[in-house]
Amino acid sequence: MAGTWSRSTFTPVSLAPPGPPWPGPVYGEWMRVDLVAIVVDDYPAIRFFVDNLGFELVEDSPSLTNDGRPKRWVVVRPPGAETGILLARADGDSQGAVVGNQVAGRVGFFLRVDDFDAAYRRMVSAGVEFVVAPRAEAYGRVAVFLDVAGNRWDLFG
C-alpha cells in the first residue's frame, strides 16, 4: 500500500487520480525501482557490500562504456531484496568527484533490518564505520554508517 511517511507517522493514501480510473497502464502493468547506482573508486567495493554488509553478489559481468571501453556490470543487493545496487566504477574526473558524496553529505541510502542489534553488532565486527551511534526514534532504532566510498547510510530497524 502506498502512503506518506514521516519520522512519526505513516498515513496510507490512494495514488488513484480523482474521477474515473485510468484507461490502462501508463508504462506497463507494473513499475518498480530495479537498480540504484553508487559510483565507487573501483570494484573492490564488491567485498565491502558482500563481506561487511552481507549483501549478495547478483551479477558481475563484462560490459562496455558508451564509447566502447571495457567495464563491469556489478550488482549487489540485500538477501531477499528485489532492488539492487549497481556498483559503477567512476569514469573520469566528474564521476570521480562524486565518489563518497553522491547526496551532498546527507544520508542518502537506507538499510532496514529485522534485528537491529544483531545487524549492528555484525557490521561493527566486520569493520563497518558508524559515524552516529545507535539511537531510538519514533520509527525505530537508527545508526548512521559509511559505505566503502564514504556515502552515509541509515541502518534502521
C-alpha atoms as a PDB file:
ATOM      1  CA  MET A   1       0.000   0.000   0.000  1.00  0.00           C
ATOM      2  CA  ALA A   2       1.321   3.434  -0.841  1.00  0.00           C
ATOM      3  CA  GLY A   3       1.375   6.142   1.728  1.00  0.00           C
ATOM      4  CA  THR A   4       3.081   9.162   3.131  1.00  0.00           C
ATOM      5  CA  TRP A   5       5.823   8.711   5.652  1.00  0.00           C
ATOM      6  CA  SER A   6       7.303  10.937   8.261  1.00  0.00           C
ATOM      7  CA  ARG A   7       9.527  10.168  11.192  1.00  0.00           C
ATOM      8  CA  SER A   8       6.483   9.946  13.443  1.00  0.00           C
ATOM      9  CA  THR A   9       3.610   8.687  11.310  1.00  0.00           C
ATOM     10  CA  PHE A  10       2.684   6.630   8.309  1.00  0.00           C
ATOM     11  CA  THR A  11      -0.553   7.640   6.676  1.00  0.00           C
ATOM     12  CA  PRO A  12      -1.913   5.494   3.829  1.00  0.00           C
ATOM     13  CA  VAL A  13      -3.082   7.433   0.807  1.00  0.00           C
ATOM     14  CA  SER A  14      -4.600   6.434  -2.503  1.00  0.00           C
ATOM     15  CA  LEU A  15      -2.495   7.037  -5.599  1.00  0.00           C
ATOM     16  CA  ALA A  16      -5.507   6.816  -7.895  1.00  0.00           C
ATOM     17  CA  PRO A  17      -6.449  10.128  -9.502  1.00  0.00           C
ATOM     18  CA  PRO A  18      -9.895  11.552  -8.763  1.00  0.00           C
ATOM     19  CA  GLY A  19     -12.589  10.631 -11.227  1.00  0.00           C
ATOM     20  CA  PRO A  20     -12.802   7.561 -13.455  1.00  0.00           C
ATOM     21  CA  PRO A  21      -9.944   5.062 -13.379  1.00  0.00           C
ATOM     22  CA  TRP A  22      -7.132   5.373 -15.894  1.00  0.00           C
ATOM     23  CA  PRO A  23      -7.956   3.705 -19.211  1.00  0.00           C
ATOM     24  CA  GLY A  24      -4.995   1.366 -18.879  1.00  0.00           C
ATOM     25  CA  PRO A  25      -1.451   1.124 -17.657  1.00  0.00           C
ATOM     26  CA  VAL A  26       0.669   4.158 -18.342  1.00  0.00           C
ATOM     27  CA  TYR A  27       4.012   2.377 -18.588  1.00  0.00           C
ATOM     28  CA  GLY A  28       3.021  -1.274 -18.376  1.00  0.00           C
ATOM     29  CA  GLU A  29       1.300  -3.487 -15.889  1.00  0.00           C
ATOM     30  CA  TRP A  30       3.633  -2.558 -13.027  1.00  0.00           C
ATOM     31  CA  MET A  31       6.633  -0.452 -12.103  1.00  0.00           C
ATOM     32  CA  ARG A  32       9.415  -0.804  -9.600  1.00  0.00           C
ATOM     33  CA  VAL A  33      12.842   0.614  -8.927  1.00  0.00           C
ATOM     34  CA  ASP A  34      15.135  -2.157 -10.118  1.00  0.00           C
ATOM     35  CA  LEU A  35      18.605  -0.678  -9.569  1.00  0.00           C
ATOM     36  CA  VAL A  36      20.199   2.324  -7.926  1.00  0.00           C
ATOM     37  CA  ALA A  37      23.776   3.217  -8.902  1.00  0.00           C
ATOM     38  CA  ILE A  38      26.510   4.059  -6.436  1.00  0.00           C
ATOM     39  CA  VAL A  39      29.678   5.451  -8.007  1.00  0.00           C
ATOM     40  CA  VAL A  40      32.753   3.795  -6.479  1.00  0.00           C
ATOM     41  CA  ASP A  41      36.505   4.149  -6.986  1.00  0.00           C
ATOM     42  CA  ASP A  42      36.909   0.576  -8.150  1.00  0.00           C
ATOM     43  CA  TYR A  43      35.446  -2.892  -7.933  1.00  0.00           C
ATOM     44  CA  PRO A  44      36.992  -3.937  -4.598  1.00  0.00           C
ATOM     45  CA  ALA A  45      33.842  -2.187  -3.332  1.00  0.00           C
ATOM     46  CA  ILE A  46      32.155  -5.537  -4.014  1.00  0.00           C
ATOM     47  CA  ARG A  47      33.913  -7.041  -0.981  1.00  0.00           C
ATOM     48  CA  PHE A  48      32.558  -4.297   1.290  1.00  0.00           C
ATOM     49  CA  PHE A  49      28.959  -4.888   0.282  1.00  0.00           C
ATOM     50  CA  VAL A  50      29.262  -8.680   0.331  1.00  0.00           C
ATOM     51  CA  ASP A  51      31.618  -9.287   3.256  1.00  0.00           C
ATOM     52  CA  ASN A  52      30.898  -6.315   5.517  1.00  0.00           C
ATOM     53  CA  LEU A  53      27.194  -5.728   4.879  1.00  0.00           C
ATOM     54  CA  GLY A  54      26.137  -9.281   3.984  1.00  0.00           C
ATOM     55  CA  PHE A  55      24.715  -8.439   0.549  1.00  0.00           C
ATOM     56  CA  GLU A  56      24.557 -10.973  -2.283  1.00  0.00           C
ATOM     57  CA  LEU A  57      26.621 -10.560  -5.436  1.00  0.00           C
ATOM     58  CA  VAL A  58      23.869 -10.840  -8.055  1.00  0.00           C
ATOM     59  CA  GLU A  59      25.917 -10.149 -11.184  1.00  0.00           C
ATOM     60  CA  ASP A  60      29.492  -9.394 -12.174  1.00  0.00           C
ATOM     61  CA  SER A  61      29.687  -9.350 -15.958  1.00  0.00           C
ATOM     62  CA  PRO A  62      31.997  -7.737 -18.504  1.00  0.00           C
ATOM     63  CA  SER A  63      30.422  -4.780 -20.250  1.00  0.00           C
ATOM     64  CA  LEU A  64      31.389  -1.734 -22.308  1.00  0.00           C
ATOM     65  CA  THR A  65      31.160   2.002 -21.755  1.00  0.00           C
ATOM     66  CA  ASN A  66      29.109   4.004 -24.241  1.00  0.00           C
ATOM     67  CA  ASP A  67      32.282   4.671 -26.218  1.00  0.00           C
ATOM     68  CA  GLY A  68      33.382   1.011 -26.236  1.00  0.00           C
ATOM     69  CA  ARG A  69      35.890   0.793 -23.375  1.00  0.00           C
ATOM     70  CA  PRO A  70      35.726  -2.239 -21.069  1.00  0.00           C
ATOM     71  CA  LYS A  71      33.942  -2.019 -17.733  1.00  0.00           C
ATOM     72  CA  ARG A  72      31.986  -4.378 -15.486  1.00  0.00           C
ATOM     73  CA  TRP A  73      28.285  -4.599 -14.690  1.00  0.00           C
ATOM     74  CA  VAL A  74      28.270  -5.302 -10.942  1.00  0.00           C
ATOM     75  CA  VAL A  75      25.027  -5.658  -8.982  1.00  0.00           C
ATOM     76  CA  VAL A  76      24.682  -6.398  -5.256  1.00  0.00           C
ATOM     77  CA  ARG A  77      21.588  -6.488  -3.074  1.00  0.00           C
ATOM     78  CA  PRO A  78      20.492  -7.498   0.405  1.00  0.00           C
ATOM     79  CA  PRO A  79      19.342 -11.124   0.661  1.00  0.00           C
ATOM     80  CA  GLY A  80      15.723 -11.431  -0.443  1.00  0.00           C
ATOM     81  CA  ALA A  81      15.516  -7.862  -1.774  1.00  0.00           C
ATOM     82  CA  GLU A  82      14.249  -7.006  -5.233  1.00  0.00           C
ATOM     83  CA  THR A  83      16.039  -3.686  -5.677  1.00  0.00           C
ATOM     84  CA  GLY A  84      19.764  -3.950  -6.292  1.00  0.00           C
ATOM     85  CA  ILE A  85      22.704  -1.576  -6.240  1.00  0.00           C
ATOM     86  CA  LEU A  86      24.786  -1.132  -9.361  1.00  0.00           C
ATOM     87  CA  LEU A  87      28.376  -0.529  -8.297  1.00  0.00           C
ATOM     88  CA  ALA A  88      29.540   1.810 -11.053  1.00  0.00           C
ATOM     89  CA  ARG A  89      33.272   2.470 -11.261  1.00  0.00           C
ATOM     90  CA  ALA A  90      33.958   6.187 -11.655  1.00  0.00           C
ATOM     91  CA  ASP A  91      34.859   7.033 -15.237  1.00  0.00           C
ATOM     92  CA  GLY A  92      36.573  10.396 -15.492  1.00  0.00           C
ATOM     93  CA  ASP A  93      37.054  13.383 -13.238  1.00  0.00           C
ATOM     94  CA  SER A  94      33.406  14.425 -12.949  1.00  0.00           C
ATOM     95  CA  GLN A  95      32.315  10.958 -11.818  1.00  0.00           C
ATOM     96  CA  GLY A  96      35.353  10.605  -9.568  1.00  0.00           C
ATOM     97  CA  ALA A  97      34.381  13.860  -7.852  1.00  0.00           C
ATOM     98  CA  VAL A  98      31.087  12.391  -6.569  1.00  0.00           C
ATOM     99  CA  VAL A  99      32.549   9.217  -5.064  1.00  0.00           C
ATOM    100  CA  GLY A 100      31.518   9.285  -1.413  1.00  0.00           C
ATOM    101  CA  ASN A 101      29.457  12.443  -1.804  1.00  0.00           C
ATOM    102  CA  GLN A 102      26.615  11.440  -4.093  1.00  0.00           C
ATOM    103  CA  VAL A 103      23.963  13.106  -1.964  1.00  0.00           C
ATOM    104  CA  ALA A 104      25.937  16.151  -0.782  1.00  0.00           C
ATOM    105  CA  GLY A 105      26.891  14.714   2.617  1.00  0.00           C
ATOM    106  CA  ARG A 106      23.352  13.710   3.596  1.00  0.00           C
ATOM    107  CA  VAL A 107      22.211  10.220   4.416  1.00  0.00           C
ATOM    108  CA  GLY A 108      21.086   9.022   1.023  1.00  0.00           C
ATOM    109  CA  PHE A 109      20.773   5.268   1.440  1.00  0.00           C
ATOM    110  CA  PHE A 110      18.693   3.322   3.931  1.00  0.00           C
ATOM    111  CA  LEU A 111      19.142  -0.275   5.050  1.00  0.00           C
ATOM    112  CA  ARG A 112      16.225  -1.711   7.038  1.00  0.00           C
ATOM    113  CA  VAL A 113      16.895  -4.856   9.082  1.00  0.00           C
ATOM    114  CA  ASP A 114      14.644  -7.112  11.152  1.00  0.00           C
ATOM    115  CA  ASP A 115      17.034  -7.364  14.104  1.00  0.00           C
ATOM    116  CA  PHE A 116      18.764  -4.023  14.555  1.00  0.00           C
ATOM    117  CA  ASP A 117      21.022  -5.049  17.444  1.00  0.00           C
ATOM    118  CA  ALA A 118      22.287  -8.210  15.724  1.00  0.00           C
ATOM    119  CA  ALA A 119      22.896  -6.378  12.434  1.00  0.00           C
ATOM    120  CA  TYR A 120      24.690  -3.536  14.207  1.00  0.00           C
ATOM    121  CA  ARG A 121      26.968  -5.924  16.127  1.00  0.00           C
ATOM    122  CA  ARG A 122      27.731  -7.952  12.984  1.00  0.00           C
ATOM    123  CA  MET A 123      28.533  -4.840  10.959  1.00  0.00           C
ATOM    124  CA  VAL A 124      30.760  -3.352  13.670  1.00  0.00           C
ATOM    125  CA  SER A 125      32.673  -6.640  13.953  1.00  0.00           C
ATOM    126  CA  ALA A 126      33.048  -6.651  10.142  1.00  0.00           C
ATOM    127  CA  GLY A 127      34.695  -3.227  10.253  1.00  0.00           C
ATOM    128  CA  VAL A 128      31.833  -1.011   9.116  1.00  0.00           C
ATOM    129  CA  GLU A 129      32.415   2.573  10.297  1.00  0.00           C
ATOM    130  CA  PHE A 130      29.485   4.059  12.199  1.00  0.00           C
ATOM    131  CA  VAL A 131      29.559   7.850  12.437  1.00  0.00           C
ATOM    132  CA  VAL A 132      26.390   8.252  14.522  1.00  0.00           C
ATOM    133  CA  ALA A 133      25.763   5.883  17.430  1.00  0.00           C
ATOM    134  CA  PRO A 134      22.502   3.922  17.659  1.00  0.00           C
ATOM    135  CA  ARG A 135      19.567   5.890  18.967  1.00  0.00           C
ATOM    136  CA  ALA A 136      15.835   5.407  19.380  1.00  0.00           C
ATOM    137  CA  GLU A 137      13.474   7.361  17.138  1.00  0.00           C
ATOM    138  CA  ALA A 138       9.699   7.199  16.743  1.00  0.00           C
ATOM    139  CA  TYR A 139      10.188   4.972  13.679  1.00  0.00           C
ATOM    140  CA  GLY A 140      12.655   2.593  15.370  1.00  0.00           C
ATOM    141  CA  ARG A 141      16.357   2.292  16.142  1.00  0.00           C
ATOM    142  CA  VAL A 142      18.789   4.008  13.802  1.00  0.00           C
ATOM    143  CA  ALA A 143      22.539   4.476  13.369  1.00  0.00           C
ATOM    144  CA  VAL A 144      24.489   6.132  10.551  1.00  0.00           C
ATOM    145  CA  PHE A 145      27.345   4.310   8.817  1.00  0.00           C
ATOM    146  CA  LEU A 146      29.648   4.953   5.874  1.00  0.00           C
ATOM    147  CA  ASP A 147      29.958   2.688   2.867  1.00  0.00           C
ATOM    148  CA  VAL A 148      33.308   1.923   1.239  1.00  0.00           C
ATOM    149  CA  ALA A 149      33.099   5.113  -0.830  1.00  0.00           C
ATOM    150  CA  GLY A 150      32.170   7.318   2.138  1.00  0.00           C
ATOM    151  CA  ASN A 151      28.438   7.713   1.441  1.00  0.00           C
ATOM    152  CA  ARG A 152      26.201   7.950   4.511  1.00  0.00           C
ATOM    153  CA  TRP A 153      23.614   5.226   5.163  1.00  0.00           C
ATOM    154  CA  ASP A 154      20.980   4.796   7.851  1.00  0.00           C
ATOM    155  CA  LEU A 155      20.807   1.367   9.403  1.00  0.00           C
ATOM    156  CA  PHE A 156      17.358   1.130  10.907  1.00  0.00           C
ATOM    157  CA  GLY A 157      15.040  -1.434  12.318  1.00  0.00           C
END
